[in-house]
Amino acid sequence: MSETRHTIEQYLSLVKDTVDSLDRTQIEKVIEAFMKAYHAGSTIYIFGNGGSAASATHATGDLVKGASFGLEKRFRVMSLVDNLPALMAIANDISYDDIFVEQLKNFIKPGDVVVGISGSGNSANVVKAMQYAKDQGVQTIAFCGYTGGKIKALADISIHSVAMDMEVAEDIHMIVFNVIKKEVMRRLRGHHTSMGATYDDRIK
C-alpha cells in the first residue's frame, strides 16, 4: 500500500469509527431542542471559529432555507460569525474573547437555544458565550471534539466527536447537522424529504 493510500484509509477509518461512537441519544436531544425552538418561535444561535465558523454558517443556511423552504412557519436561526463589521469592532475595541457573547447580549431571550462549536472544546470566545447563555437560563448545546473540553462540561446537550483529530471533529459536526436537518424536514413535511432525492425533486 502506498503512503498516500495509507493516509486515505487511515483517515476514513477514523471517521467511520468516530461516527459509530456517536451518542445517538444526544443527537435526538438536539433535534428535540431545535423542534421546541421552532414551535415556540424562538431563535437558535450558532457560532464557532475557523472551520467551526464555516460549519455554523452552513448549518444556519440549511435551517433557514433547506428546512424552512415552502413552510408558512420557519426556523429562526442566526449564525454569530457572519456579521463581520460587528465581529471586528468587538474584537478590536473590546476583546476577541467577547465576539460572540456581546452579540448574544443584544438578542438572547428565554426559550432560545445557543449552539457553540469548538473542536478542542476550549475556545475562549465560545466558552464565554455559552457560560453567559447558561447564566441567562438558556439551553446550551456543545459540538466538540478531543476530550470535549470546557463547553462539554457547560452544555445541557453535547455532540462529542471523540477522535483526537480536528478535521475529523469538523466532519462529524457537519454530519450531525445534516442528520438534524433531514429529521426536522421529515417531521415538518411528514415524509423522508431528500433521502436520495435530487435537488429538483425536493423543490417541486
N, C-alpha and C. Protein backbone atom coordinates (compact mmCIF):
# COMPACT_ATOMS: atom_id res chain seq x y z
N MET A 1 0.84 -1.20 0.00
CA MET A 1 0.00 0.00 0.00
C MET A 1 0.88 1.25 0.00
N SER A 2 0.58 2.20 -0.87
CA SER A 2 1.35 3.43 -0.94
C SER A 2 1.08 4.28 0.30
N GLU A 3 1.98 5.24 0.56
CA GLU A 3 1.79 6.13 1.70
C GLU A 3 0.52 6.96 1.53
N THR A 4 0.25 7.36 0.30
CA THR A 4 -0.96 8.15 0.05
C THR A 4 -2.20 7.33 0.35
N ARG A 5 -2.24 6.09 -0.14
CA ARG A 5 -3.40 5.24 0.13
C ARG A 5 -3.54 4.97 1.62
N HIS A 6 -2.41 4.80 2.30
CA HIS A 6 -2.44 4.56 3.75
C HIS A 6 -3.07 5.75 4.47
N THR A 7 -2.69 6.97 4.06
CA THR A 7 -3.26 8.17 4.67
C THR A 7 -4.77 8.22 4.45
N ILE A 8 -5.19 7.92 3.22
CA ILE A 8 -6.62 7.92 2.90
C ILE A 8 -7.37 6.92 3.76
N GLU A 9 -6.89 5.70 3.80
CA GLU A 9 -7.56 4.63 4.55
C GLU A 9 -7.58 4.92 6.04
N GLN A 10 -6.48 5.45 6.54
CA GLN A 10 -6.38 5.74 7.97
C GLN A 10 -7.39 6.82 8.37
N TYR A 11 -7.49 7.86 7.55
CA TYR A 11 -8.40 8.95 7.87
C TYR A 11 -9.86 8.50 7.78
N LEU A 12 -10.20 7.82 6.69
CA LEU A 12 -11.58 7.38 6.52
C LEU A 12 -11.99 6.38 7.60
N SER A 13 -11.06 5.55 8.00
CA SER A 13 -11.33 4.59 9.07
C SER A 13 -11.61 5.32 10.38
N LEU A 14 -10.85 6.39 10.65
CA LEU A 14 -11.06 7.15 11.87
C LEU A 14 -12.42 7.84 11.85
N VAL A 15 -12.81 8.36 10.70
CA VAL A 15 -14.14 8.98 10.58
C VAL A 15 -15.23 7.95 10.85
N LYS A 16 -15.11 6.78 10.22
CA LYS A 16 -16.11 5.73 10.42
C LYS A 16 -16.21 5.33 11.88
N ASP A 17 -15.08 5.12 12.53
CA ASP A 17 -15.07 4.71 13.94
C ASP A 17 -15.70 5.79 14.82
N THR A 18 -15.44 7.05 14.48
CA THR A 18 -15.97 8.14 15.28
C THR A 18 -17.48 8.27 15.10
N VAL A 19 -17.95 8.09 13.87
CA VAL A 19 -19.40 8.07 13.63
C VAL A 19 -20.05 6.97 14.46
N ASP A 20 -19.44 5.79 14.46
CA ASP A 20 -20.00 4.66 15.21
C ASP A 20 -20.08 4.95 16.71
N SER A 21 -19.16 5.78 17.20
CA SER A 21 -19.10 6.05 18.64
C SER A 21 -20.03 7.18 19.08
N LEU A 22 -20.66 7.87 18.13
CA LEU A 22 -21.53 8.99 18.48
C LEU A 22 -22.69 8.55 19.36
N ASP A 23 -22.99 9.37 20.33
CA ASP A 23 -24.12 9.11 21.23
C ASP A 23 -25.41 9.53 20.53
N ARG A 24 -26.15 8.55 20.04
CA ARG A 24 -27.39 8.84 19.30
C ARG A 24 -28.43 9.55 20.16
N THR A 25 -28.43 9.28 21.45
CA THR A 25 -29.39 9.93 22.34
C THR A 25 -29.16 11.43 22.38
N GLN A 26 -27.90 11.84 22.37
CA GLN A 26 -27.59 13.27 22.37
C GLN A 26 -28.05 13.93 21.07
N ILE A 27 -27.92 13.23 19.96
CA ILE A 27 -28.40 13.77 18.68
C ILE A 27 -29.92 13.95 18.74
N GLU A 28 -30.61 12.97 19.28
CA GLU A 28 -32.06 13.07 19.42
C GLU A 28 -32.45 14.26 20.30
N LYS A 29 -31.67 14.51 21.34
CA LYS A 29 -31.95 15.65 22.22
C LYS A 29 -31.78 16.98 21.50
N VAL A 30 -30.76 17.07 20.63
CA VAL A 30 -30.58 18.30 19.85
C VAL A 30 -31.78 18.51 18.93
N ILE A 31 -32.23 17.44 18.28
CA ILE A 31 -33.39 17.53 17.40
C ILE A 31 -34.61 18.04 18.18
N GLU A 32 -34.83 17.48 19.37
CA GLU A 32 -35.98 17.92 20.18
C GLU A 32 -35.84 19.38 20.58
N ALA A 33 -34.62 19.80 20.91
CA ALA A 33 -34.40 21.20 21.28
C ALA A 33 -34.67 22.13 20.11
N PHE A 34 -34.24 21.75 18.92
CA PHE A 34 -34.47 22.56 17.74
C PHE A 34 -35.96 22.63 17.41
N MET A 35 -36.65 21.50 17.52
CA MET A 35 -38.08 21.48 17.23
C MET A 35 -38.87 22.30 18.25
N LYS A 36 -38.46 22.23 19.50
CA LYS A 36 -39.13 23.03 20.53
C LYS A 36 -38.96 24.51 20.23
N ALA A 37 -37.74 24.90 19.83
CA ALA A 37 -37.49 26.30 19.47
C ALA A 37 -38.31 26.70 18.26
N TYR A 38 -38.41 25.80 17.30
CA TYR A 38 -39.19 26.06 16.09
C TYR A 38 -40.65 26.35 16.43
N HIS A 39 -41.25 25.47 17.20
CA HIS A 39 -42.67 25.61 17.52
C HIS A 39 -42.94 26.83 18.41
N ALA A 40 -41.95 27.21 19.22
CA ALA A 40 -42.13 28.36 20.11
C ALA A 40 -41.80 29.68 19.44
N GLY A 41 -41.24 29.61 18.23
CA GLY A 41 -40.81 30.83 17.56
C GLY A 41 -39.55 31.41 18.17
N SER A 42 -38.79 30.58 18.87
CA SER A 42 -37.54 31.01 19.49
C SER A 42 -36.41 30.97 18.47
N THR A 43 -35.29 31.56 18.85
CA THR A 43 -34.14 31.65 17.95
C THR A 43 -33.03 30.71 18.38
N ILE A 44 -32.39 30.09 17.39
CA ILE A 44 -31.22 29.24 17.61
C ILE A 44 -30.00 30.03 17.15
N TYR A 45 -29.04 30.19 18.04
CA TYR A 45 -27.79 30.90 17.72
C TYR A 45 -26.66 29.88 17.60
N ILE A 46 -25.88 29.97 16.53
CA ILE A 46 -24.81 29.01 16.27
C ILE A 46 -23.51 29.78 16.01
N PHE A 47 -22.39 29.30 16.56
CA PHE A 47 -21.12 30.02 16.39
C PHE A 47 -19.92 29.13 16.66
N GLY A 48 -18.78 29.55 16.12
CA GLY A 48 -17.51 28.86 16.32
C GLY A 48 -16.43 29.61 15.56
N ASN A 49 -15.21 29.12 15.64
CA ASN A 49 -14.06 29.75 14.99
C ASN A 49 -13.53 28.88 13.84
N GLY A 50 -12.93 29.52 12.85
CA GLY A 50 -12.27 28.75 11.78
C GLY A 50 -13.22 27.83 11.05
N GLY A 51 -12.85 26.55 10.96
CA GLY A 51 -13.71 25.56 10.33
C GLY A 51 -15.05 25.45 11.03
N SER A 52 -15.06 25.65 12.33
CA SER A 52 -16.31 25.62 13.09
C SER A 52 -17.20 26.80 12.75
N ALA A 53 -16.59 27.93 12.38
CA ALA A 53 -17.37 29.08 11.92
C ALA A 53 -18.06 28.74 10.61
N ALA A 54 -17.32 28.08 9.72
CA ALA A 54 -17.92 27.65 8.45
C ALA A 54 -19.07 26.68 8.69
N SER A 55 -18.90 25.78 9.65
CA SER A 55 -19.98 24.83 9.99
C SER A 55 -21.19 25.57 10.55
N ALA A 56 -20.95 26.62 11.35
CA ALA A 56 -22.06 27.41 11.90
C ALA A 56 -22.86 28.06 10.79
N THR A 57 -22.15 28.64 9.82
CA THR A 57 -22.83 29.27 8.69
C THR A 57 -23.56 28.25 7.84
N HIS A 58 -22.92 27.11 7.59
CA HIS A 58 -23.53 26.05 6.79
C HIS A 58 -24.81 25.54 7.45
N ALA A 59 -24.73 25.23 8.73
CA ALA A 59 -25.90 24.71 9.44
C ALA A 59 -27.02 25.74 9.48
N THR A 60 -26.66 27.00 9.67
CA THR A 60 -27.67 28.06 9.69
C THR A 60 -28.38 28.16 8.35
N GLY A 61 -27.59 28.13 7.28
CA GLY A 61 -28.18 28.19 5.95
C GLY A 61 -29.12 27.04 5.68
N ASP A 62 -28.75 25.85 6.14
CA ASP A 62 -29.59 24.67 5.92
C ASP A 62 -30.93 24.78 6.64
N LEU A 63 -30.92 25.39 7.82
CA LEU A 63 -32.16 25.52 8.57
C LEU A 63 -33.00 26.70 8.09
N VAL A 64 -32.34 27.79 7.71
CA VAL A 64 -33.06 28.96 7.24
C VAL A 64 -33.73 28.70 5.89
N LYS A 65 -33.01 27.99 5.00
CA LYS A 65 -33.58 27.70 3.68
C LYS A 65 -34.05 26.25 3.57
N GLY A 66 -33.13 25.33 3.67
CA GLY A 66 -33.45 23.92 3.40
C GLY A 66 -34.57 23.36 4.23
N ALA A 67 -34.52 23.59 5.54
CA ALA A 67 -35.55 23.04 6.42
C ALA A 67 -36.81 23.89 6.47
N SER A 68 -36.71 25.14 6.02
CA SER A 68 -37.83 26.07 6.12
C SER A 68 -38.55 26.32 4.80
N PHE A 69 -37.93 25.95 3.69
CA PHE A 69 -38.47 26.28 2.37
C PHE A 69 -39.89 25.74 2.19
N GLY A 70 -40.79 26.61 1.76
CA GLY A 70 -42.16 26.19 1.48
C GLY A 70 -43.07 26.14 2.68
N LEU A 71 -42.52 26.41 3.87
CA LEU A 71 -43.33 26.36 5.09
C LEU A 71 -43.80 27.75 5.48
N GLU A 72 -45.01 27.84 5.99
CA GLU A 72 -45.50 29.13 6.46
C GLU A 72 -44.75 29.54 7.72
N LYS A 73 -44.55 28.58 8.62
CA LYS A 73 -43.77 28.82 9.83
C LYS A 73 -42.34 28.36 9.56
N ARG A 74 -41.36 29.16 9.94
CA ARG A 74 -39.97 28.88 9.57
C ARG A 74 -39.06 28.87 10.80
N PHE A 75 -37.91 28.22 10.62
CA PHE A 75 -36.90 28.24 11.66
C PHE A 75 -36.31 29.64 11.78
N ARG A 76 -36.09 30.06 13.01
CA ARG A 76 -35.37 31.31 13.30
C ARG A 76 -33.97 30.92 13.77
N VAL A 77 -32.99 31.13 12.90
CA VAL A 77 -31.62 30.70 13.20
C VAL A 77 -30.66 31.83 12.81
N MET A 78 -29.68 32.09 13.67
CA MET A 78 -28.69 33.12 13.39
C MET A 78 -27.28 32.58 13.63
N SER A 79 -26.41 32.75 12.64
CA SER A 79 -25.00 32.43 12.81
C SER A 79 -24.30 33.69 13.32
N LEU A 80 -23.64 33.60 14.44
CA LEU A 80 -22.99 34.77 15.03
C LEU A 80 -21.61 35.03 14.43
N VAL A 81 -21.26 34.31 13.38
CA VAL A 81 -19.94 34.51 12.75
C VAL A 81 -20.03 35.37 11.49
N ASP A 82 -21.23 35.76 11.08
CA ASP A 82 -21.41 36.33 9.75
C ASP A 82 -21.46 37.86 9.68
N ASN A 83 -21.61 38.53 10.80
CA ASN A 83 -21.64 39.99 10.79
C ASN A 83 -20.20 40.48 11.00
N LEU A 84 -19.44 40.59 9.92
CA LEU A 84 -18.02 40.91 10.02
C LEU A 84 -17.75 42.27 10.66
N PRO A 85 -18.50 43.33 10.31
CA PRO A 85 -18.25 44.61 10.99
C PRO A 85 -18.41 44.51 12.51
N ALA A 86 -19.47 43.83 12.95
CA ALA A 86 -19.68 43.68 14.39
C ALA A 86 -18.56 42.85 15.02
N LEU A 87 -18.19 41.75 14.37
CA LEU A 87 -17.13 40.90 14.90
C LEU A 87 -15.82 41.67 15.05
N MET A 88 -15.46 42.43 14.00
CA MET A 88 -14.19 43.15 14.02
C MET A 88 -14.21 44.30 15.01
N ALA A 89 -15.35 44.97 15.14
CA ALA A 89 -15.45 46.06 16.11
C ALA A 89 -15.32 45.53 17.54
N ILE A 90 -16.01 44.44 17.82
CA ILE A 90 -15.93 43.86 19.17
C ILE A 90 -14.52 43.37 19.45
N ALA A 91 -13.92 42.66 18.48
CA ALA A 91 -12.56 42.14 18.67
C ALA A 91 -11.55 43.26 18.88
N ASN A 92 -11.70 44.33 18.10
CA ASN A 92 -10.75 45.45 18.16
C ASN A 92 -10.94 46.32 19.39
N ASP A 93 -12.20 46.61 19.71
CA ASP A 93 -12.48 47.57 20.77
C ASP A 93 -12.62 46.94 22.15
N ILE A 94 -12.97 45.67 22.18
CA ILE A 94 -13.18 45.00 23.48
C ILE A 94 -12.19 43.84 23.61
N SER A 95 -12.53 42.72 22.98
CA SER A 95 -11.65 41.55 23.03
C SER A 95 -12.17 40.50 22.07
N TYR A 96 -11.26 39.73 21.47
CA TYR A 96 -11.69 38.64 20.61
C TYR A 96 -12.50 37.62 21.41
N ASP A 97 -12.21 37.51 22.68
CA ASP A 97 -12.95 36.57 23.53
C ASP A 97 -14.42 36.95 23.66
N ASP A 98 -14.77 38.19 23.30
CA ASP A 98 -16.13 38.69 23.50
C ASP A 98 -16.96 38.74 22.22
N ILE A 99 -16.44 38.25 21.09
CA ILE A 99 -17.12 38.45 19.81
C ILE A 99 -18.49 37.78 19.73
N PHE A 100 -18.68 36.71 20.48
CA PHE A 100 -19.98 36.02 20.46
C PHE A 100 -20.87 36.46 21.62
N VAL A 101 -20.29 36.59 22.80
CA VAL A 101 -21.11 36.94 23.96
C VAL A 101 -21.72 38.33 23.81
N GLU A 102 -20.98 39.28 23.22
CA GLU A 102 -21.52 40.62 23.06
C GLU A 102 -22.72 40.63 22.11
N GLN A 103 -22.71 39.77 21.10
CA GLN A 103 -23.86 39.66 20.21
C GLN A 103 -25.05 39.02 20.93
N LEU A 104 -24.77 38.00 21.73
CA LEU A 104 -25.85 37.35 22.47
C LEU A 104 -26.56 38.35 23.39
N LYS A 105 -25.80 39.28 23.95
CA LYS A 105 -26.39 40.27 24.84
C LYS A 105 -27.43 41.13 24.11
N ASN A 106 -27.26 41.30 22.81
CA ASN A 106 -28.22 42.07 22.01
C ASN A 106 -29.52 41.34 21.77
N PHE A 107 -29.44 39.99 21.65
CA PHE A 107 -30.56 39.25 21.09
C PHE A 107 -31.21 38.21 22.00
N ILE A 108 -30.45 37.60 22.85
CA ILE A 108 -30.91 36.38 23.52
C ILE A 108 -32.12 36.64 24.40
N LYS A 109 -33.04 35.66 24.41
CA LYS A 109 -34.23 35.76 25.25
C LYS A 109 -34.62 34.36 25.73
N PRO A 110 -35.46 34.28 26.75
CA PRO A 110 -35.88 32.98 27.26
C PRO A 110 -36.49 32.11 26.15
N GLY A 111 -36.13 30.84 26.16
CA GLY A 111 -36.64 29.91 25.15
C GLY A 111 -35.72 29.72 23.97
N ASP A 112 -34.72 30.59 23.84
CA ASP A 112 -33.76 30.46 22.75
C ASP A 112 -32.82 29.28 23.00
N VAL A 113 -32.04 28.93 21.99
CA VAL A 113 -31.07 27.84 22.07
C VAL A 113 -29.73 28.36 21.58
N VAL A 114 -28.68 28.07 22.30
CA VAL A 114 -27.33 28.51 21.94
C VAL A 114 -26.47 27.29 21.64
N VAL A 115 -25.88 27.29 20.43
CA VAL A 115 -25.07 26.16 19.98
C VAL A 115 -23.64 26.64 19.76
N GLY A 116 -22.72 26.19 20.59
CA GLY A 116 -21.32 26.54 20.46
C GLY A 116 -20.53 25.38 19.85
N ILE A 117 -19.71 25.70 18.84
CA ILE A 117 -18.91 24.68 18.17
C ILE A 117 -17.43 24.97 18.43
N SER A 118 -16.72 23.97 18.93
CA SER A 118 -15.29 24.11 19.17
C SER A 118 -14.64 22.74 19.11
N GLY A 119 -13.70 22.57 18.19
CA GLY A 119 -13.04 21.28 18.07
C GLY A 119 -12.38 20.86 19.37
N SER A 120 -11.67 21.78 19.99
CA SER A 120 -11.00 21.48 21.26
C SER A 120 -11.97 21.48 22.42
N GLY A 121 -13.05 22.24 22.25
CA GLY A 121 -13.99 22.42 23.35
C GLY A 121 -13.58 23.53 24.30
N ASN A 122 -12.46 24.19 23.98
CA ASN A 122 -11.91 25.18 24.91
C ASN A 122 -11.73 26.57 24.31
N SER A 123 -12.29 26.84 23.14
CA SER A 123 -12.16 28.17 22.54
C SER A 123 -12.76 29.19 23.50
N ALA A 124 -11.95 30.17 23.90
CA ALA A 124 -12.36 31.09 24.97
C ALA A 124 -13.62 31.86 24.63
N ASN A 125 -13.76 32.28 23.36
CA ASN A 125 -14.96 33.06 23.00
C ASN A 125 -16.21 32.21 22.98
N VAL A 126 -16.07 30.95 22.64
CA VAL A 126 -17.21 30.03 22.65
C VAL A 126 -17.59 29.71 24.10
N VAL A 127 -16.60 29.44 24.92
CA VAL A 127 -16.85 29.14 26.33
C VAL A 127 -17.57 30.32 27.01
N LYS A 128 -17.09 31.53 26.73
CA LYS A 128 -17.66 32.72 27.38
C LYS A 128 -19.11 32.93 26.97
N ALA A 129 -19.41 32.74 25.70
CA ALA A 129 -20.77 32.91 25.22
C ALA A 129 -21.70 31.85 25.80
N MET A 130 -21.21 30.62 25.88
CA MET A 130 -22.04 29.55 26.42
C MET A 130 -22.28 29.73 27.92
N GLN A 131 -21.27 30.22 28.63
CA GLN A 131 -21.45 30.48 30.05
C GLN A 131 -22.48 31.58 30.27
N TYR A 132 -22.44 32.61 29.43
CA TYR A 132 -23.42 33.70 29.52
C TYR A 132 -24.83 33.15 29.27
N ALA A 133 -24.97 32.34 28.22
CA ALA A 133 -26.28 31.76 27.91
C ALA A 133 -26.79 30.92 29.07
N LYS A 134 -25.90 30.14 29.63
CA LYS A 134 -26.29 29.28 30.76
C LYS A 134 -26.72 30.13 31.95
N ASP A 135 -26.01 31.22 32.19
CA ASP A 135 -26.36 32.12 33.30
C ASP A 135 -27.72 32.78 33.08
N GLN A 136 -28.11 32.91 31.81
CA GLN A 136 -29.41 33.50 31.48
C GLN A 136 -30.54 32.46 31.47
N GLY A 137 -30.19 31.22 31.75
CA GLY A 137 -31.18 30.15 31.77
C GLY A 137 -31.58 29.65 30.40
N VAL A 138 -30.73 29.92 29.40
CA VAL A 138 -31.00 29.50 28.02
C VAL A 138 -30.32 28.15 27.77
N GLN A 139 -31.00 27.28 27.03
CA GLN A 139 -30.47 25.95 26.76
C GLN A 139 -29.20 26.04 25.91
N THR A 140 -28.18 25.27 26.29
CA THR A 140 -26.89 25.29 25.59
C THR A 140 -26.57 23.92 25.01
N ILE A 141 -26.02 23.94 23.80
CA ILE A 141 -25.62 22.72 23.10
C ILE A 141 -24.18 22.87 22.66
N ALA A 142 -23.35 21.88 22.96
CA ALA A 142 -21.94 21.90 22.57
C ALA A 142 -21.70 20.91 21.45
N PHE A 143 -21.00 21.36 20.41
CA PHE A 143 -20.43 20.49 19.39
C PHE A 143 -18.92 20.55 19.60
N CYS A 144 -18.35 19.45 20.08
CA CYS A 144 -16.95 19.48 20.49
C CYS A 144 -16.21 18.23 20.02
N GLY A 145 -14.89 18.26 20.17
CA GLY A 145 -14.05 17.13 19.80
C GLY A 145 -13.07 16.82 20.92
N TYR A 146 -12.03 16.05 20.59
CA TYR A 146 -11.00 15.69 21.56
C TYR A 146 -11.64 15.16 22.85
N THR A 147 -11.32 15.75 23.99
CA THR A 147 -11.90 15.27 25.26
C THR A 147 -13.20 15.98 25.61
N GLY A 148 -13.64 16.89 24.75
CA GLY A 148 -14.88 17.63 24.99
C GLY A 148 -14.66 19.01 25.54
N GLY A 149 -13.59 19.18 26.33
CA GLY A 149 -13.22 20.49 26.84
C GLY A 149 -14.27 21.13 27.74
N LYS A 150 -14.12 22.44 27.89
CA LYS A 150 -14.97 23.19 28.83
C LYS A 150 -16.42 23.27 28.36
N ILE A 151 -16.63 23.34 27.04
CA ILE A 151 -18.02 23.53 26.60
C ILE A 151 -18.85 22.27 26.80
N LYS A 152 -18.21 21.11 26.77
CA LYS A 152 -18.97 19.88 27.05
C LYS A 152 -19.45 19.89 28.49
N ALA A 153 -18.60 20.34 29.39
CA ALA A 153 -18.97 20.39 30.81
C ALA A 153 -20.06 21.43 31.06
N LEU A 154 -20.06 22.50 30.25
CA LEU A 154 -21.04 23.58 30.42
C LEU A 154 -22.40 23.23 29.84
N ALA A 155 -22.41 22.48 28.77
CA ALA A 155 -23.61 22.33 27.94
C ALA A 155 -24.66 21.42 28.54
N ASP A 156 -25.91 21.72 28.20
CA ASP A 156 -27.01 20.83 28.57
C ASP A 156 -27.01 19.57 27.70
N ILE A 157 -26.59 19.74 26.44
CA ILE A 157 -26.52 18.63 25.48
C ILE A 157 -25.18 18.74 24.77
N SER A 158 -24.55 17.61 24.46
CA SER A 158 -23.27 17.69 23.76
C SER A 158 -23.17 16.66 22.64
N ILE A 159 -22.68 17.14 21.49
CA ILE A 159 -22.33 16.27 20.38
C ILE A 159 -20.81 16.17 20.40
N HIS A 160 -20.31 15.02 20.83
CA HIS A 160 -18.89 14.88 21.09
C HIS A 160 -18.24 13.93 20.09
N SER A 161 -17.34 14.48 19.27
CA SER A 161 -16.51 13.66 18.38
C SER A 161 -15.29 13.24 19.19
N VAL A 162 -15.20 11.97 19.51
CA VAL A 162 -14.18 11.52 20.47
C VAL A 162 -12.79 11.38 19.85
N ALA A 163 -12.67 11.48 18.54
CA ALA A 163 -11.36 11.36 17.90
C ALA A 163 -10.48 12.54 18.30
N MET A 164 -9.20 12.26 18.49
CA MET A 164 -8.24 13.32 18.82
C MET A 164 -7.72 13.92 17.52
N ASP A 165 -8.63 14.49 16.75
CA ASP A 165 -8.29 14.97 15.41
C ASP A 165 -9.25 16.10 15.04
N MET A 166 -8.71 17.28 14.72
CA MET A 166 -9.54 18.44 14.44
C MET A 166 -10.39 18.26 13.19
N GLU A 167 -9.77 17.74 12.12
CA GLU A 167 -10.51 17.58 10.86
C GLU A 167 -11.65 16.60 11.01
N VAL A 168 -11.43 15.54 11.74
CA VAL A 168 -12.49 14.57 11.97
C VAL A 168 -13.62 15.20 12.78
N ALA A 169 -13.27 16.00 13.78
CA ALA A 169 -14.30 16.68 14.57
C ALA A 169 -15.17 17.55 13.67
N GLU A 170 -14.54 18.28 12.75
CA GLU A 170 -15.29 19.13 11.83
C GLU A 170 -16.20 18.31 10.93
N ASP A 171 -15.70 17.18 10.45
CA ASP A 171 -16.51 16.28 9.62
C ASP A 171 -17.72 15.77 10.40
N ILE A 172 -17.47 15.31 11.60
CA ILE A 172 -18.53 14.73 12.42
C ILE A 172 -19.61 15.76 12.73
N HIS A 173 -19.19 16.96 13.04
CA HIS A 173 -20.16 18.00 13.37
C HIS A 173 -21.10 18.29 12.21
N MET A 174 -20.55 18.36 10.99
CA MET A 174 -21.41 18.60 9.83
C MET A 174 -22.29 17.40 9.52
N ILE A 175 -21.80 16.20 9.74
CA ILE A 175 -22.62 15.01 9.56
C ILE A 175 -23.84 15.09 10.48
N VAL A 176 -23.61 15.45 11.73
CA VAL A 176 -24.71 15.53 12.69
C VAL A 176 -25.68 16.65 12.32
N PHE A 177 -25.16 17.80 11.92
CA PHE A 177 -26.04 18.88 11.48
C PHE A 177 -26.91 18.42 10.31
N ASN A 178 -26.33 17.66 9.40
CA ASN A 178 -27.10 17.17 8.25
C ASN A 178 -28.16 16.16 8.67
N VAL A 179 -27.84 15.32 9.64
CA VAL A 179 -28.83 14.38 10.18
C VAL A 179 -29.99 15.15 10.81
N ILE A 180 -29.66 16.17 11.57
CA ILE A 180 -30.68 17.00 12.21
C ILE A 180 -31.58 17.64 11.17
N LYS A 181 -30.96 18.21 10.13
CA LYS A 181 -31.73 18.84 9.07
C LYS A 181 -32.72 17.85 8.45
N LYS A 182 -32.25 16.65 8.13
CA LYS A 182 -33.11 15.67 7.49
C LYS A 182 -34.27 15.26 8.38
N GLU A 183 -34.00 15.13 9.68
CA GLU A 183 -35.07 14.71 10.59
C GLU A 183 -36.10 15.81 10.80
N VAL A 184 -35.65 17.05 10.93
CA VAL A 184 -36.66 18.12 11.11
C VAL A 184 -37.47 18.30 9.83
N MET A 185 -36.86 18.10 8.67
CA MET A 185 -37.61 18.15 7.41
C MET A 185 -38.63 17.03 7.35
N ARG A 186 -38.24 15.84 7.81
CA ARG A 186 -39.18 14.71 7.82
C ARG A 186 -40.37 15.02 8.70
N ARG A 187 -40.09 15.57 9.89
CA ARG A 187 -41.18 15.86 10.82
C ARG A 187 -42.11 16.95 10.28
N LEU A 188 -41.54 17.95 9.67
CA LEU A 188 -42.35 19.08 9.21
C LEU A 188 -43.09 18.81 7.92
N ARG A 189 -42.59 17.84 7.15
CA ARG A 189 -43.24 17.53 5.88
C ARG A 189 -43.92 16.17 5.87
N GLY A 190 -43.66 15.36 6.89
CA GLY A 190 -44.36 14.09 7.02
C GLY A 190 -43.83 12.96 6.19
N HIS A 191 -42.66 13.15 5.59
CA HIS A 191 -42.04 12.06 4.83
C HIS A 191 -40.54 12.31 4.76
N HIS A 192 -39.81 11.34 4.22
CA HIS A 192 -38.35 11.42 4.20
C HIS A 192 -37.88 12.30 3.05
N THR A 193 -38.11 13.58 3.18
CA THR A 193 -37.71 14.53 2.16
C THR A 193 -36.20 14.49 1.94
N SER A 194 -35.80 14.42 0.69
CA SER A 194 -34.42 14.50 0.22
C SER A 194 -33.58 13.26 0.47
N MET A 195 -34.14 12.20 1.03
CA MET A 195 -33.38 10.97 1.22
C MET A 195 -33.16 10.33 -0.15
N GLY A 196 -32.05 10.68 -0.76
CA GLY A 196 -31.73 10.14 -2.07
C GLY A 196 -32.36 10.89 -3.22
N ALA A 197 -33.15 11.92 -2.91
CA ALA A 197 -33.81 12.68 -3.97
C ALA A 197 -32.87 13.72 -4.55
N THR A 198 -33.15 14.12 -5.75
CA THR A 198 -32.37 15.19 -6.37
C THR A 198 -32.87 16.53 -5.86
N TYR A 199 -32.08 17.57 -6.08
CA TYR A 199 -32.48 18.91 -5.67
C TYR A 199 -33.80 19.30 -6.35
N ASP A 200 -33.92 19.02 -7.63
CA ASP A 200 -35.15 19.36 -8.35
C ASP A 200 -36.36 18.65 -7.76
N ASP A 201 -36.17 17.38 -7.36
CA ASP A 201 -37.27 16.64 -6.74
C ASP A 201 -37.72 17.32 -5.45
N ARG A 202 -36.76 17.82 -4.68
CA ARG A 202 -37.07 18.40 -3.38
C ARG A 202 -37.87 19.68 -3.50
N ILE A 203 -37.64 20.47 -4.54
CA ILE A 203 -38.29 21.77 -4.59
C ILE A 203 -39.57 21.77 -5.41
N LYS A 204 -39.96 20.62 -5.95
CA LYS A 204 -41.22 20.55 -6.72
C LYS A 204 -42.41 20.60 -5.79
